[in-house]
Amino acid sequence: MPQTNANDEYLKVLLEQAASLMTREGIVDDDSFDYYMAKIDYAAFLFRKRANKDSPLAMPRSLRYELNNILWSQKGR
């Protein structure tokens, strides 16, 4: 199967949107591995959510837990 970069721009937009949504929740880009992995997980959720238009997906508990942990960790500093 040939490789393609057809979704690269879309994925970049999803990563930007994930970062924006995280900022709205009070999460700061602290250049940590945890922050970047949460941003990727959030973008992946947004990708799956858009692909599955028939039944809207709720945010997975694991993602909500991950975001909450980062937020509380940052607030505790």
Protein backbone atom coordinates (compact mmCIF):
# COMPACT_ATOMS: atom_id res chain seq x y z
CA MET A 1 0.00 0.00 0.00
CA PRO A 2 1.56 3.34 -1.01
CA GLN A 3 2.15 5.94 1.68
CA THR A 4 0.26 9.17 1.43
CA ASN A 5 0.26 12.43 3.31
CA ALA A 6 -3.31 13.28 2.39
CA ASN A 7 -4.39 13.72 6.01
CA ASP A 8 -1.32 15.63 7.21
CA GLU A 9 -2.93 19.08 7.07
CA TYR A 10 -6.10 17.81 8.70
CA LEU A 11 -4.10 16.20 11.50
CA LYS A 12 -2.17 19.44 12.05
CA VAL A 13 -5.48 21.29 12.41
CA LEU A 14 -6.73 18.67 14.87
CA LEU A 15 -3.57 19.06 16.95
CA GLU A 16 -4.07 22.84 16.99
CA GLN A 17 -7.72 22.40 17.97
CA ALA A 18 -6.78 19.96 20.74
CA ALA A 19 -4.25 22.46 22.10
CA SER A 20 -6.85 25.22 21.96
CA LEU A 21 -9.44 23.12 23.78
CA MET A 22 -6.89 22.18 26.43
CA THR A 23 -6.01 25.85 26.93
CA ARG A 24 -9.70 26.65 27.32
CA GLU A 25 -9.81 24.09 30.14
CA GLY A 26 -6.90 25.83 31.86
CA ILE A 27 -4.13 23.45 30.80
CA VAL A 28 -0.87 25.23 29.97
CA ASP A 29 1.61 24.04 27.35
CA ASP A 30 4.50 23.33 29.71
CA ASP A 31 6.58 21.53 27.07
CA SER A 32 6.22 18.25 28.96
CA PHE A 33 5.87 14.77 27.55
CA ASP A 34 2.53 14.43 29.37
CA TYR A 35 1.17 17.57 27.71
CA TYR A 36 2.18 16.46 24.21
CA MET A 37 0.81 12.94 24.64
CA ALA A 38 -2.50 14.33 25.94
CA LYS A 39 -2.65 16.65 22.93
CA ILE A 40 -2.12 13.71 20.58
CA ASP A 41 -4.74 11.63 22.42
CA TYR A 42 -7.20 14.53 22.23
CA ALA A 43 -6.55 15.01 18.49
CA ALA A 44 -7.03 11.27 17.92
CA PHE A 45 -10.36 11.46 19.75
CA LEU A 46 -11.43 14.41 17.56
CA PHE A 47 -10.42 12.42 14.46
CA ARG A 48 -12.47 9.37 15.52
CA LYS A 49 -15.40 11.57 16.54
CA ARG A 50 -15.57 13.21 13.12
CA ALA A 51 -15.23 9.87 11.32
CA ASN A 52 -18.16 8.42 13.28
CA LYS A 53 -20.91 10.93 12.50
CA ASP A 54 -23.75 8.42 13.00
CA SER A 55 -23.24 8.07 16.73
CA PRO A 56 -21.52 10.96 18.49
CA LEU A 57 -18.72 9.77 20.71
CA ALA A 58 -18.42 10.95 24.27
CA MET A 59 -14.91 11.78 25.44
CA PRO A 60 -13.29 8.57 26.67
CA ARG A 61 -12.85 8.38 30.43
CA SER A 62 -9.16 7.74 30.00
CA LEU A 63 -8.74 11.03 28.09
CA ARG A 64 -10.78 12.97 30.67
CA TYR A 65 -8.68 11.39 33.43
CA GLU A 66 -5.46 12.29 31.60
CA LEU A 67 -6.54 15.93 31.12
CA ASN A 68 -7.70 16.24 34.73
CA ASN A 69 -4.39 14.86 36.00
CA ILE A 70 -2.41 17.36 33.97
CA LEU A 71 -4.63 20.25 35.06
CA TRP A 72 -4.45 19.38 38.76
CA SER A 73 -0.70 18.78 38.52
CA GLN A 74 -0.22 22.21 36.96
CA LYS A 75 -2.51 23.92 39.49
CA GLY A 76 -0.54 22.32 42.33
CA ARG A 77 2.74 23.92 41.26
